[in-house]
């Protein structure tokens, strides 16, 4: 059994000249990551739009209440 006590014992690109662990160099496709990223951004965009509409409605409601109080 190998016991690793510190992160200095793990070999990385600093200690190996040809070490590359990223997906682009291993040949694995990143298409699924792009699809997930696009989906999450579309959801964030929809959430931002809903929040903007809610704030706009709340502001209009506030202005109408203020107008009724004043006159």
Protein backbone atom coordinates (compact mmCIF):
# COMPACT_ATOMS: atom_id res chain seq x y z
CA UNK A 1 0.00 0.00 0.00
CA UNK A 2 1.25 3.47 -0.90
CA UNK A 3 0.81 6.19 1.67
CA UNK A 4 0.74 9.74 0.33
CA UNK A 5 1.26 12.19 3.15
CA UNK A 6 1.59 15.51 1.33
CA UNK A 7 0.79 16.97 -2.06
CA UNK A 8 4.52 17.22 -2.79
CA UNK A 9 4.59 13.44 -3.22
CA UNK A 10 2.14 13.54 -6.15
CA UNK A 11 3.89 13.77 -9.50
CA UNK A 12 2.68 16.68 -11.60
CA UNK A 13 3.72 18.49 -14.74
CA UNK A 14 6.42 20.23 -12.72
CA UNK A 15 8.19 16.94 -12.03
CA UNK A 16 7.42 15.14 -15.33
CA UNK A 17 8.45 16.75 -18.60
CA UNK A 18 5.73 15.10 -20.73
CA UNK A 19 2.87 15.12 -18.20
CA UNK A 20 -0.46 16.39 -19.53
CA UNK A 21 -3.73 15.46 -17.88
CA UNK A 22 -6.20 17.82 -19.56
CA UNK A 23 -8.92 16.33 -21.78
CA UNK A 24 -7.76 18.04 -24.96
CA UNK A 25 -4.42 16.24 -24.90
CA UNK A 26 -5.85 12.86 -23.90
CA UNK A 27 -8.20 12.83 -26.89
CA UNK A 28 -11.43 12.82 -24.85
CA UNK A 29 -14.23 14.87 -26.35
CA UNK A 30 -15.29 18.07 -24.60
CA UNK A 31 -18.55 18.40 -26.51
CA UNK A 32 -20.64 17.31 -23.51
CA UNK A 33 -18.98 20.01 -21.42
CA UNK A 34 -19.88 22.64 -24.00
CA UNK A 35 -23.50 21.47 -24.12
CA UNK A 36 -23.74 21.63 -20.34
CA UNK A 37 -22.16 25.07 -20.27
CA UNK A 38 -24.59 26.38 -22.90
CA UNK A 39 -27.59 24.86 -21.09
CA UNK A 40 -26.55 26.40 -17.77
CA UNK A 41 -26.04 29.81 -19.37
CA UNK A 42 -29.47 29.64 -21.02
CA UNK A 43 -31.01 28.85 -17.63
CA UNK A 44 -29.14 31.76 -16.04
CA UNK A 45 -30.34 34.05 -18.83
CA UNK A 46 -33.96 32.96 -18.31
CA UNK A 47 -33.62 33.47 -14.55
CA UNK A 48 -32.15 36.94 -15.05
CA UNK A 49 -35.00 37.88 -17.38
CA UNK A 50 -37.63 36.63 -14.91
CA UNK A 51 -35.94 38.56 -12.10
CA UNK A 52 -35.82 41.71 -14.22
CA UNK A 53 -39.52 41.40 -15.03
CA UNK A 54 -40.39 40.82 -11.37
CA UNK A 55 -38.39 43.86 -10.27
CA UNK A 56 -40.02 45.96 -12.99
CA UNK A 57 -43.50 44.90 -11.83
CA UNK A 58 -42.61 45.60 -8.20
CA UNK A 59 -41.31 49.07 -9.15
CA UNK A 60 -44.48 49.88 -11.11
CA UNK A 61 -46.57 48.73 -8.16
CA UNK A 62 -44.52 50.89 -5.80
CA UNK A 63 -44.91 53.94 -8.04
CA UNK A 64 -48.68 53.47 -8.29
CA UNK A 65 -48.98 53.17 -4.48
CA UNK A 66 -46.95 56.37 -4.05
CA UNK A 67 -49.12 58.18 -6.58
CA UNK A 68 -52.33 57.10 -4.79
CA UNK A 69 -50.99 58.31 -1.43
CA UNK A 70 -50.06 61.74 -2.77
CA UNK A 71 -53.12 62.55 -4.68
